[in-house]
Amino acid sequence: MDLVQLQRQLVDYRTSLYHEGFLDEQFTQLQSLQDENNPDFVVEVVSLFFEDSERLLNELSKALEQQVIDFKRMDAQVHQLKGSSSSIGAHRVQKLCIVFRNYCEAQNVEG
């Protein structure tokens, strides 16, 4: 597979992520901040997002295993995940965080 084919696949994949609601305009704005002085900007920001998300999801998982669930603390963690997902354009994650926060507010463990 040559470079042109790989680049076309990348464009097609990125387009599908927008159409399926995984990414939004914020990701496009993030990409616009990348230039020749900082060619790895998007990779660095998205990598930090994944590292932070993994930590938050692990903390949420542990919190759900507790006998007494601290919904206020969980809500704060989900709020943090919602904010970081919004800042990189992870639209679908942001929307799921809103639903999760509603479950925290209702203290709905099953949700």
PDB file of N, CA and C in Angstrom:
ATOM      1  N   MET A   1       0.858  -1.182   0.000  1.00  0.00           N
ATOM      2  CA  MET A   1       0.000   0.000   0.000  1.00  0.00           C
ATOM      3  C   MET A   1       0.898   1.236   0.000  1.00  0.00           C
ATOM      4  N   ASP A   2       0.622   2.137  -0.912  1.00  0.00           N
ATOM      5  CA  ASP A   2       1.465   3.315  -1.006  1.00  0.00           C
ATOM      6  C   ASP A   2       0.964   4.438  -0.103  1.00  0.00           C
ATOM      7  N   LEU A   3       1.740   5.487  -0.011  1.00  0.00           N
ATOM      8  CA  LEU A   3       1.453   6.610   0.881  1.00  0.00           C
ATOM      9  C   LEU A   3       0.127   7.278   0.537  1.00  0.00           C
ATOM     10  N   VAL A   4      -0.155   7.444  -0.721  1.00  0.00           N
ATOM     11  CA  VAL A   4      -1.392   8.101  -1.136  1.00  0.00           C
ATOM     12  C   VAL A   4      -2.613   7.299  -0.670  1.00  0.00           C
ATOM     13  N   GLN A   5      -2.552   5.983  -0.785  1.00  0.00           N
ATOM     14  CA  GLN A   5      -3.653   5.141  -0.322  1.00  0.00           C
ATOM     15  C   GLN A   5      -3.830   5.249   1.191  1.00  0.00           C
ATOM     16  N   LEU A   6      -2.732   5.262   1.927  1.00  0.00           N
ATOM     17  CA  LEU A   6      -2.803   5.397   3.380  1.00  0.00           C
ATOM     18  C   LEU A   6      -3.397   6.738   3.787  1.00  0.00           C
ATOM     19  N   GLN A   7      -2.984   7.788   3.105  1.00  0.00           N
ATOM     20  CA  GLN A   7      -3.523   9.112   3.407  1.00  0.00           C
ATOM     21  C   GLN A   7      -5.015   9.167   3.112  1.00  0.00           C
ATOM     22  N   ARG A   8      -5.451   8.532   2.025  1.00  0.00           N
ATOM     23  CA  ARG A   8      -6.872   8.512   1.673  1.00  0.00           C
ATOM     24  C   ARG A   8      -7.672   7.730   2.721  1.00  0.00           C
ATOM     25  N   GLN A   9      -7.114   6.612   3.185  1.00  0.00           N
ATOM     26  CA  GLN A   9      -7.772   5.829   4.225  1.00  0.00           C
ATOM     27  C   GLN A   9      -7.923   6.641   5.507  1.00  0.00           C
ATOM     28  N   LEU A  10      -6.882   7.399   5.849  1.00  0.00           N
ATOM     29  CA  LEU A  10      -6.942   8.238   7.039  1.00  0.00           C
ATOM     30  C   LEU A  10      -8.045   9.280   6.913  1.00  0.00           C
ATOM     31  N   VAL A  11      -8.137   9.923   5.773  1.00  0.00           N
ATOM     32  CA  VAL A  11      -9.176  10.924   5.543  1.00  0.00           C
ATOM     33  C   VAL A  11     -10.555  10.272   5.634  1.00  0.00           C
ATOM     34  N   ASP A  12     -10.723   9.114   5.019  1.00  0.00           N
ATOM     35  CA  ASP A  12     -12.010   8.412   5.060  1.00  0.00           C
ATOM     36  C   ASP A  12     -12.381   8.017   6.487  1.00  0.00           C
ATOM     37  N   TYR A  13     -11.391   7.536   7.239  1.00  0.00           N
ATOM     38  CA  TYR A  13     -11.643   7.118   8.612  1.00  0.00           C
ATOM     39  C   TYR A  13     -12.033   8.317   9.478  1.00  0.00           C
ATOM     40  N   ARG A  14     -11.299   9.398   9.330  1.00  0.00           N
ATOM     41  CA  ARG A  14     -11.604  10.612  10.099  1.00  0.00           C
ATOM     42  C   ARG A  14     -13.001  11.119   9.755  1.00  0.00           C
ATOM     43  N   THR A  15     -13.362  11.101   8.483  1.00  0.00           N
ATOM     44  CA  THR A  15     -14.693  11.523   8.050  1.00  0.00           C
ATOM     45  C   THR A  15     -15.768  10.657   8.686  1.00  0.00           C
ATOM     46  N   SER A  16     -15.538   9.357   8.736  1.00  0.00           N
ATOM     47  CA  SER A  16     -16.526   8.464   9.343  1.00  0.00           C
ATOM     48  C   SER A  16     -16.683   8.742  10.840  1.00  0.00           C
ATOM     49  N   LEU A  17     -15.597   9.120  11.516  1.00  0.00           N
ATOM     50  CA  LEU A  17     -15.682   9.450  12.940  1.00  0.00           C
ATOM     51  C   LEU A  17     -16.555  10.681  13.175  1.00  0.00           C
ATOM     52  N   TYR A  18     -16.504  11.628  12.251  1.00  0.00           N
ATOM     53  CA  TYR A  18     -17.384  12.802  12.349  1.00  0.00           C
ATOM     54  C   TYR A  18     -18.834  12.398  12.090  1.00  0.00           C
ATOM     55  N   HIS A  19     -19.060  11.630  11.020  1.00  0.00           N
ATOM     56  CA  HIS A  19     -20.425  11.243  10.646  1.00  0.00           C
ATOM     57  C   HIS A  19     -21.090  10.367  11.706  1.00  0.00           C
ATOM     58  N   GLU A  20     -20.312   9.554  12.397  1.00  0.00           N
ATOM     59  CA  GLU A  20     -20.858   8.656  13.415  1.00  0.00           C
ATOM     60  C   GLU A  20     -20.972   9.324  14.781  1.00  0.00           C
ATOM     61  N   GLY A  21     -20.556  10.585  14.874  1.00  0.00           N
ATOM     62  CA  GLY A  21     -20.723  11.336  16.107  1.00  0.00           C
ATOM     63  C   GLY A  21     -19.623  11.149  17.136  1.00  0.00           C
ATOM     64  N   PHE A  22     -18.538  10.494  16.757  1.00  0.00           N
ATOM     65  CA  PHE A  22     -17.436  10.333  17.707  1.00  0.00           C
ATOM     66  C   PHE A  22     -16.656  11.634  17.870  1.00  0.00           C
ATOM     67  N   LEU A  23     -16.505  12.390  16.784  1.00  0.00           N
ATOM     68  CA  LEU A  23     -15.763  13.650  16.817  1.00  0.00           C
ATOM     69  C   LEU A  23     -16.683  14.795  16.411  1.00  0.00           C
ATOM     70  N   ASP A  24     -16.319  16.012  16.851  1.00  0.00           N
ATOM     71  CA  ASP A  24     -17.063  17.191  16.448  1.00  0.00           C
ATOM     72  C   ASP A  24     -16.097  18.288  16.018  1.00  0.00           C
ATOM     73  N   GLU A  25     -16.634  19.471  15.803  1.00  0.00           N
ATOM     74  CA  GLU A  25     -15.854  20.600  15.286  1.00  0.00           C
ATOM     75  C   GLU A  25     -14.670  20.962  16.191  1.00  0.00           C
ATOM     76  N   GLN A  26     -14.766  20.679  17.467  1.00  0.00           N
ATOM     77  CA  GLN A  26     -13.669  20.991  18.382  1.00  0.00           C
ATOM     78  C   GLN A  26     -12.395  20.249  17.978  1.00  0.00           C
ATOM     79  N   PHE A  27     -12.535  19.027  17.481  1.00  0.00           N
ATOM     80  CA  PHE A  27     -11.356  18.280  17.034  1.00  0.00           C
ATOM     81  C   PHE A  27     -10.720  18.969  15.832  1.00  0.00           C
ATOM     82  N   THR A  28     -11.531  19.512  14.945  1.00  0.00           N
ATOM     83  CA  THR A  28     -11.007  20.252  13.795  1.00  0.00           C
ATOM     84  C   THR A  28     -10.233  21.477  14.268  1.00  0.00           C
ATOM     85  N   GLN A  29     -10.770  22.158  15.270  1.00  0.00           N
ATOM     86  CA  GLN A  29     -10.069  23.320  15.815  1.00  0.00           C
ATOM     87  C   GLN A  29      -8.751  22.908  16.468  1.00  0.00           C
ATOM     88  N   LEU A  30      -8.771  21.774  17.138  1.00  0.00           N
ATOM     89  CA  LEU A  30      -7.542  21.253  17.744  1.00  0.00           C
ATOM     90  C   LEU A  30      -6.493  20.993  16.668  1.00  0.00           C
ATOM     91  N   GLN A  31      -6.916  20.399  15.561  1.00  0.00           N
ATOM     92  CA  GLN A  31      -5.995  20.129  14.469  1.00  0.00           C
ATOM     93  C   GLN A  31      -5.423  21.407  13.875  1.00  0.00           C
ATOM     94  N   SER A  32      -6.214  22.459  13.856  1.00  0.00           N
ATOM     95  CA  SER A  32      -5.750  23.722  13.276  1.00  0.00           C
ATOM     96  C   SER A  32      -4.635  24.358  14.100  1.00  0.00           C
ATOM     97  N   LEU A  33      -4.502  23.939  15.358  1.00  0.00           N
ATOM     98  CA  LEU A  33      -3.435  24.470  16.211  1.00  0.00           C
ATOM     99  C   LEU A  33      -2.086  23.803  15.942  1.00  0.00           C
ATOM    100  N   GLN A  34      -2.125  22.716  15.214  1.00  0.00           N
ATOM    101  CA  GLN A  34      -0.878  22.000  14.893  1.00  0.00           C
ATOM    102  C   GLN A  34      -0.220  22.668  13.686  1.00  0.00           C
ATOM    103  N   ASP A  35       1.082  22.857  13.770  1.00  0.00           N
ATOM    104  CA  ASP A  35       1.823  23.438  12.658  1.00  0.00           C
ATOM    105  C   ASP A  35       3.217  22.831  12.596  1.00  0.00           C
ATOM    106  N   GLU A  36       4.042  23.346  11.716  1.00  0.00           N
ATOM    107  CA  GLU A  36       5.392  22.782  11.557  1.00  0.00           C
ATOM    108  C   GLU A  36       6.265  22.986  12.793  1.00  0.00           C
ATOM    109  N   ASN A  37       5.945  23.984  13.621  1.00  0.00           N
ATOM    110  CA  ASN A  37       6.691  24.182  14.865  1.00  0.00           C
ATOM    111  C   ASN A  37       6.298  23.175  15.937  1.00  0.00           C
ATOM    112  N   ASN A  38       5.107  22.628  15.821  1.00  0.00           N
ATOM    113  CA  ASN A  38       4.618  21.655  16.787  1.00  0.00           C
ATOM    114  C   ASN A  38       3.848  20.564  16.031  1.00  0.00           C
ATOM    115  N   PRO A  39       4.580  19.729  15.266  1.00  0.00           N
ATOM    116  CA  PRO A  39       3.918  18.760  14.385  1.00  0.00           C
ATOM    117  C   PRO A  39       3.202  17.616  15.108  1.00  0.00           C
ATOM    118  N   ASP A  40       3.504  17.400  16.360  1.00  0.00           N
ATOM    119  CA  ASP A  40       2.892  16.302  17.114  1.00  0.00           C
ATOM    120  C   ASP A  40       1.852  16.791  18.120  1.00  0.00           C
ATOM    121  N   PHE A  41       1.395  18.016  17.942  1.00  0.00           N
ATOM    122  CA  PHE A  41       0.481  18.619  18.916  1.00  0.00           C
ATOM    123  C   PHE A  41      -0.761  17.769  19.154  1.00  0.00           C
ATOM    124  N   VAL A  42      -1.441  17.369  18.084  1.00  0.00           N
ATOM    125  CA  VAL A  42      -2.686  16.611  18.226  1.00  0.00           C
ATOM    126  C   VAL A  42      -2.414  15.262  18.886  1.00  0.00           C
ATOM    127  N   VAL A  43      -1.366  14.600  18.469  1.00  0.00           N
ATOM    128  CA  VAL A  43      -1.018  13.296  19.059  1.00  0.00           C
ATOM    129  C   VAL A  43      -0.750  13.453  20.553  1.00  0.00           C
ATOM    130  N   GLU A  44      -0.031  14.489  20.929  1.00  0.00           N
ATOM    131  CA  GLU A  44       0.277  14.709  22.343  1.00  0.00           C
ATOM    132  C   GLU A  44      -0.990  14.989  23.157  1.00  0.00           C
ATOM    133  N   VAL A  45      -1.860  15.843  22.638  1.00  0.00           N
ATOM    134  CA  VAL A  45      -3.088  16.190  23.365  1.00  0.00           C
ATOM    135  C   VAL A  45      -4.000  14.973  23.490  1.00  0.00           C
ATOM    136  N   VAL A  46      -4.173  14.231  22.401  1.00  0.00           N
ATOM    137  CA  VAL A  46      -5.041  13.058  22.435  1.00  0.00           C
ATOM    138  C   VAL A  46      -4.443  11.973  23.331  1.00  0.00           C
ATOM    139  N   SER A  47      -3.139  11.821  23.323  1.00  0.00           N
ATOM    140  CA  SER A  47      -2.481  10.843  24.202  1.00  0.00           C
ATOM    141  C   SER A  47      -2.712  11.195  25.672  1.00  0.00           C
ATOM    142  N   LEU A  48      -2.593  12.467  26.011  1.00  0.00           N
ATOM    143  CA  LEU A  48      -2.873  12.905  27.382  1.00  0.00           C
ATOM    144  C   LEU A  48      -4.329  12.641  27.747  1.00  0.00           C
ATOM    145  N   PHE A  49      -5.229  12.877  26.797  1.00  0.00           N
ATOM    146  CA  PHE A  49      -6.646  12.596  27.027  1.00  0.00           C
ATOM    147  C   PHE A  49      -6.855  11.114  27.352  1.00  0.00           C
ATOM    148  N   PHE A  50      -6.235  10.240  26.573  1.00  0.00           N
ATOM    149  CA  PHE A  50      -6.399   8.799  26.806  1.00  0.00           C
ATOM    150  C   PHE A  50      -5.809   8.374  28.148  1.00  0.00           C
ATOM    151  N   GLU A  51      -4.667   8.926  28.511  1.00  0.00           N
ATOM    152  CA  GLU A  51      -4.061   8.598  29.804  1.00  0.00           C
ATOM    153  C   GLU A  51      -4.964   9.037  30.952  1.00  0.00           C
ATOM    154  N   ASP A  52      -5.453  10.262  30.864  1.00  0.00           N
ATOM    155  CA  ASP A  52      -6.326  10.791  31.910  1.00  0.00           C
ATOM    156  C   ASP A  52      -7.649  10.030  31.952  1.00  0.00           C
ATOM    157  N   SER A  53      -8.182   9.705  30.785  1.00  0.00           N
ATOM    158  CA  SER A  53      -9.443   8.958  30.713  1.00  0.00           C
ATOM    159  C   SER A  53      -9.302   7.578  31.329  1.00  0.00           C
ATOM    160  N   GLU A  54      -8.192   6.931  31.050  1.00  0.00           N
ATOM    161  CA  GLU A  54      -7.963   5.602  31.626  1.00  0.00           C
ATOM    162  C   GLU A  54      -7.941   5.673  33.151  1.00  0.00           C
ATOM    163  N   ARG A  55      -7.257   6.676  33.680  1.00  0.00           N
ATOM    164  CA  ARG A  55      -7.203   6.853  35.131  1.00  0.00           C
ATOM    165  C   ARG A  55      -8.600   7.089  35.706  1.00  0.00           C
ATOM    166  N   LEU A  56      -9.344   7.991  35.087  1.00  0.00           N
ATOM    167  CA  LEU A  56     -10.691   8.305  35.575  1.00  0.00           C
ATOM    168  C   LEU A  56     -11.616   7.097  35.486  1.00  0.00           C
ATOM    169  N   LEU A  57     -11.547   6.356  34.393  1.00  0.00           N
ATOM    170  CA  LEU A  57     -12.408   5.182  34.239  1.00  0.00           C
ATOM    171  C   LEU A  57     -12.058   4.097  35.260  1.00  0.00           C
ATOM    172  N   ASN A  58     -10.773   3.945  35.553  1.00  0.00           N
ATOM    173  CA  ASN A  58     -10.370   2.987  36.595  1.00  0.00           C
ATOM    174  C   ASN A  58     -10.907   3.409  37.958  1.00  0.00           C
ATOM    175  N   GLU A  59     -10.822   4.703  38.256  1.00  0.00           N
ATOM    176  CA  GLU A  59     -11.347   5.212  39.523  1.00  0.00           C
ATOM    177  C   GLU A  59     -12.863   5.021  39.603  1.00  0.00           C
ATOM    178  N   LEU A  60     -13.561   5.265  38.503  1.00  0.00           N
ATOM    179  CA  LEU A  60     -15.012   5.079  38.485  1.00  0.00           C
ATOM    180  C   LEU A  60     -15.376   3.607  38.679  1.00  0.00           C
ATOM    181  N   SER A  61     -14.625   2.750  38.047  1.00  0.00           N
ATOM    182  CA  SER A  61     -14.874   1.313  38.191  1.00  0.00           C
ATOM    183  C   SER A  61     -14.700   0.861  39.632  1.00  0.00           C
ATOM    184  N   LYS A  62     -13.638   1.338  40.269  1.00  0.00           N
ATOM    185  CA  LYS A  62     -13.405   1.000  41.683  1.00  0.00           C
ATOM    186  C   LYS A  62     -14.500   1.568  42.573  1.00  0.00           C
ATOM    187  N   ALA A  63     -14.938   2.769  42.273  1.00  0.00           N
ATOM    188  CA  ALA A  63     -15.985   3.408  43.082  1.00  0.00           C
ATOM    189  C   ALA A  63     -17.290   2.624  43.008  1.00  0.00           C
ATOM    190  N   LEU A  64     -17.584   2.068  41.849  1.00  0.00           N
ATOM    191  CA  LEU A  64     -18.821   1.303  41.683  1.00  0.00           C
ATOM    192  C   LEU A  64     -18.782  -0.043  42.403  1.00  0.00           C
ATOM    193  N   GLU A  65     -17.589  -0.496  42.751  1.00  0.00           N
ATOM    194  CA  GLU A  65     -17.448  -1.767  43.463  1.00  0.00           C
ATOM    195  C   GLU A  65     -17.597  -1.619  44.974  1.00  0.00           C
ATOM    196  N   GLN A  66     -17.649  -0.386  45.452  1.00  0.00           N
ATOM    197  CA  GLN A  66     -17.727  -0.134  46.892  1.00  0.00           C
ATOM    198  C   GLN A  66     -19.122  -0.449  47.430  1.00  0.00           C
ATOM    199  N   GLN A  67     -19.163  -0.794  48.717  1.00  0.00           N
ATOM    200  CA  GLN A  67     -20.453  -1.042  49.372  1.00  0.00           C
ATOM    201  C   GLN A  67     -21.319   0.218  49.376  1.00  0.00           C
ATOM    202  N   VAL A  68     -20.684   1.328  49.748  1.00  0.00           N
ATOM    203  CA  VAL A  68     -21.365   2.621  49.756  1.00  0.00           C
ATOM    204  C   VAL A  68     -20.737   3.461  48.645  1.00  0.00           C
ATOM    205  N   ILE A  69     -21.549   3.850  47.708  1.00  0.00           N
ATOM    206  CA  ILE A  69     -21.039   4.584  46.547  1.00  0.00           C
ATOM    207  C   ILE A  69     -21.118   6.085  46.813  1.00  0.00           C
ATOM    208  N   ASP A  70     -19.992   6.750  46.576  1.00  0.00           N
ATOM    209  CA  ASP A  70     -19.908   8.200  46.729  1.00  0.00           C
ATOM    210  C   ASP A  70     -20.286   8.847  45.387  1.00  0.00           C
ATOM    211  N   PHE A  71     -21.582   9.085  45.219  1.00  0.00           N
ATOM    212  CA  PHE A  71     -22.066   9.612  43.947  1.00  0.00           C
ATOM    213  C   PHE A  71     -21.543  11.019  43.668  1.00  0.00           C
ATOM    214  N   LYS A  72     -21.329  11.784  44.712  1.00  0.00           N
ATOM    215  CA  LYS A  72     -20.824  13.147  44.517  1.00  0.00           C
ATOM    216  C   LYS A  72     -19.404  13.107  43.938  1.00  0.00           C
ATOM    217  N   ARG A  73     -18.589  12.232  44.470  1.00  0.00           N
ATOM    218  CA  ARG A  73     -17.213  12.101  43.960  1.00  0.00           C
ATOM    219  C   ARG A  73     -17.225  11.546  42.537  1.00  0.00           C
ATOM    220  N   MET A  74     -18.087  10.554  42.288  1.00  0.00           N
ATOM    221  CA  MET A  74     -18.182   9.997  40.940  1.00  0.00           C
ATOM    222  C   MET A  74     -18.633  11.067  39.954  1.00  0.00           C
ATOM    223  N   ASP A  75     -19.585  11.882  40.365  1.00  0.00           N
ATOM    224  CA  ASP A  75     -20.072  12.951  39.500  1.00  0.00           C
ATOM    225  C   ASP A  75     -18.938  13.913  39.151  1.00  0.00           C
ATOM    226  N   ALA A  76     -18.095  14.215  40.127  1.00  0.00           N
ATOM    227  CA  ALA A  76     -16.965  15.112  39.878  1.00  0.00           C
ATOM    228  C   ALA A  76     -15.987  14.495  38.877  1.00  0.00           C
ATOM    229  N   GLN A  77     -15.765  13.200  38.985  1.00  0.00           N
ATOM    230  CA  GLN A  77     -14.856  12.524  38.058  1.00  0.00           C
ATOM    231  C   GLN A  77     -15.441  12.483  36.647  1.00  0.00           C
ATOM    232  N   VAL A  78     -16.735  12.209  36.558  1.00  0.00           N
ATOM    233  CA  VAL A  78     -17.387  12.188  35.246  1.00  0.00           C
ATOM    234  C   VAL A  78     -17.419  13.595  34.654  1.00  0.00           C
ATOM    235  N   HIS A  79     -17.610  14.592  35.497  1.00  0.00           N
ATOM    236  CA  HIS A  79     -17.579  15.984  35.036  1.00  0.00           C
ATOM    237  C   HIS A  79     -16.208  16.308  34.435  1.00  0.00           C
ATOM    238  N   GLN A  80     -15.151  15.838  35.071  1.00  0.00           N
ATOM    239  CA  GLN A  80     -13.794  16.053  34.557  1.00  0.00           C
ATOM    240  C   GLN A  80     -13.621  15.359  33.204  1.00  0.00           C
ATOM    241  N   LEU A  81     -14.103  14.130  33.090  1.00  0.00           N
ATOM    242  CA  LEU A  81     -14.011  13.398  31.828  1.00  0.00           C
ATOM    243  C   LEU A  81     -14.824  14.095  30.739  1.00  0.00           C
ATOM    244  N   LYS A  82     -15.984  14.606  31.100  1.00  0.00           N
ATOM    245  CA  LYS A  82     -16.826  15.330  30.147  1.00  0.00           C
ATOM    246  C   LYS A  82     -16.100  16.570  29.632  1.00  0.00           C
ATOM    247  N   GLY A  83     -15.466  17.294  30.528  1.00  0.00           N
ATOM    248  CA  GLY A  83     -14.740  18.494  30.121  1.00  0.00           C
ATOM    249  C   GLY A  83     -13.571  18.204  29.209  1.00  0.00           C
ATOM    250  N   SER A  84     -12.800  17.186  29.548  1.00  0.00           N
ATOM    251  CA  SER A  84     -11.646  16.871  28.705  1.00  0.00           C
ATOM    252  C   SER A  84     -12.087  16.298  27.365  1.00  0.00           C
ATOM    253  N   SER A  85     -13.159  15.513  27.344  1.00  0.00           N
ATOM    254  CA  SER A  85     -13.639  14.980  26.072  1.00  0.00           C
ATOM    255  C   SER A  85     -14.190  16.104  25.188  1.00  0.00           C
ATOM    256  N   SER A  86     -14.823  17.059  25.812  1.00  0.00           N
ATOM    257  CA  SER A  86     -15.335  18.210  25.068  1.00  0.00           C
ATOM    258  C   SER A  86     -14.194  19.023  24.476  1.00  0.00           C
ATOM    259  N   SER A  87     -13.118  19.178  25.223  1.00  0.00           N
ATOM    260  CA  SER A  87     -12.017  20.019  24.754  1.00  0.00           C
ATOM    261  C   SER A  87     -11.252  19.420  23.584  1.00  0.00           C
ATOM    262  N   ILE A  88     -11.312  18.101  23.406  1.00  0.00           N
ATOM    263  CA  ILE A  88     -10.628  17.516  22.251  1.00  0.00           C
ATOM    264  C   ILE A  88     -11.600  17.139  21.134  1.00  0.00           C
ATOM    265  N   GLY A  89     -12.888  17.336  21.364  1.00  0.00           N
ATOM    266  CA  GLY A  89     -13.864  17.046  20.325  1.00  0.00           C
ATOM    267  C   GLY A  89     -14.384  15.628  20.331  1.00  0.00           C
ATOM    268  N   ALA A  90     -14.248  14.919  21.453  1.00  0.00           N
ATOM    269  CA  ALA A  90     -14.766  13.548  21.570  1.00  0.00           C
ATOM    270  C   ALA A  90     -16.252  13.634  21.917  1.00  0.00           C
ATOM    271  N   HIS A  91     -17.039  13.927  20.918  1.00  0.00           N
ATOM    272  CA  HIS A  91     -18.457  14.253  21.081  1.00  0.00           C
ATOM    273  C   HIS A  91     -19.257  13.130  21.744  1.00  0.00           C
ATOM    274  N   ARG A  92     -19.069  11.925  21.293  1.00  0.00           N
ATOM    275  CA  ARG A  92     -19.866  10.813  21.827  1.00  0.00           C
ATOM    276  C   ARG A  92     -19.528  10.551  23.297  1.00  0.00           C
ATOM    277  N   VAL A  93     -18.276  10.663  23.655  1.00  0.00           N
ATOM    278  CA  VAL A  93     -17.879  10.483  25.058  1.00  0.00           C
ATOM    279  C   VAL A  93     -18.521  11.568  25.911  1.00  0.00           C
ATOM    280  N   GLN A  94     -18.488  12.787  25.420  1.00  0.00           N
ATOM    281  CA  GLN A  94     -19.089  13.908  26.148  1.00  0.00           C
ATOM    282  C   GLN A  94     -20.575  13.650  26.401  1.00  0.00           C
ATOM    283  N   LYS A  95     -21.294  13.188  25.387  1.00  0.00           N
ATOM    284  CA  LYS A  95     -22.731  12.929  25.533  1.00  0.00           C
ATOM    285  C   LYS A  95     -22.992  11.804  26.532  1.00  0.00           C
ATOM    286  N   LEU A  96     -22.167  10.772  26.514  1.00  0.00           N
ATOM    287  CA  LEU A  96     -22.336   9.678  27.478  1.00  0.00           C
ATOM    288  C   LEU A  96     -22.047  10.146  28.899  1.00  0.00           C
ATOM    289  N   CYS A  97     -21.128  11.063  29.046  1.00  0.00           N
ATOM    290  CA  CYS A  97     -20.829  11.611  30.375  1.00  0.00           C
ATOM    291  C   CYS A  97     -22.032  12.370  30.928  1.00  0.00           C
ATOM    292  N   ILE A  98     -22.758  13.054  30.073  1.00  0.00           N
ATOM    293  CA  ILE A  98     -23.954  13.775  30.511  1.00  0.00           C
ATOM    294  C   ILE A  98     -24.974  12.783  31.056  1.00  0.00           C
ATOM    295  N   VAL A  99     -25.160  11.671  30.353  1.00  0.00           N
ATOM    296  CA  VAL A  99     -26.088  10.637  30.815  1.00  0.00           C
ATOM    297  C   VAL A  99     -25.610  10.067  32.146  1.00  0.00           C
ATOM    298  N   PHE A 100     -24.317   9.783  32.242  1.00  0.00           N
ATOM    299  CA  PHE A 100     -23.741   9.215  33.466  1.00  0.00           C
ATOM    300  C   PHE A 100     -23.927  10.174  34.637  1.00  0.00           C
ATOM    301  N   ARG A 101     -23.738  11.456  34.399  1.00  0.00           N
ATOM    302  CA  ARG A 101     -23.912  12.437  35.475  1.00  0.00           C
ATOM    303  C   ARG A 101     -25.361  12.469  35.944  1.00  0.00           C
ATOM    304  N   ASN A 102     -26.296  12.284  35.034  1.00  0.00           N
ATOM    305  CA  ASN A 102     -27.710  12.223  35.428  1.00  0.00           C
ATOM    306  C   ASN A 102     -27.950  11.015  36.336  1.00  0.00           C
ATOM    307  N   TYR A 103     -27.325   9.892  36.035  1.00  0.00           N
ATOM    308  CA  TYR A 103     -27.445   8.716  36.894  1.00  0.00           C
ATOM    309  C   TYR A 103     -26.824   8.986  38.270  1.00  0.00           C
ATOM    310  N   CYS A 104     -25.726   9.691  38.296  1.00  0.00           N
ATOM    311  CA  CYS A 104     -25.099  10.041  39.584  1.00  0.00           C
ATOM    312  C   CYS A 104     -26.030  10.927  40.396  1.00  0.00           C
ATOM    313  N   GLU A 105     -26.624  11.901  39.735  1.00  0.00           N
ATOM    314  CA  GLU A 105     -27.541  12.806  40.440  1.00  0.00           C
ATOM    315  C   GLU A 105     -28.723  12.053  41.017  1.00  0.00           C
ATOM    316  N   ALA A 106     -29.215  11.047  40.268  1.00  0.00           N
ATOM    317  CA  ALA A 106     -30.350  10.245  40.732  1.00  0.00           C
ATOM    318  C   ALA A 106     -29.911   9.108  41.659  1.00  0.00           C
ATOM    319  N   GLN A 107     -28.590   8.986  41.840  1.00  0.00           N
ATOM    320  CA  GLN A 107     -27.999   7.905  42.645  1.00  0.00           C
ATOM    321  C   GLN A 107     -28.485   6.542  42.143  1.00  0.00           C
ATOM    322  N   ASN A 108     -28.454   6.382  40.846  1.00  0.00           N
ATOM    323  CA  ASN A 108     -28.920   5.187  40.152  1.00  0.00           C
ATOM    324  C   ASN A 108     -27.715   4.292  39.843  1.00  0.00           C
ATOM    325  N   VAL A 109     -27.482   3.284  40.649  1.00  0.00           N
ATOM    326  CA  VAL A 109     -26.341   2.380  40.479  1.00  0.00           C
ATOM    327  C   VAL A 109     -26.493   1.567  39.198  1.00  0.00           C
ATOM    328  N   GLU A 110     -27.695   1.116  38.908  1.00  0.00           N
ATOM    329  CA  GLU A 110     -27.916   0.297  37.711  1.00  0.00           C
ATOM    330  C   GLU A 110     -27.598   1.070  36.442  1.00  0.00           C
ATOM    331  N   GLY A 111     -27.919   2.351  36.432  1.00  0.00           N
ATOM    332  CA  GLY A 111     -27.642   3.184  35.262  1.00  0.00           C
ATOM    333  C   GLY A 111     -26.171   3.274  34.985  1.00  0.00           C
TER     334      GLY A 111
END
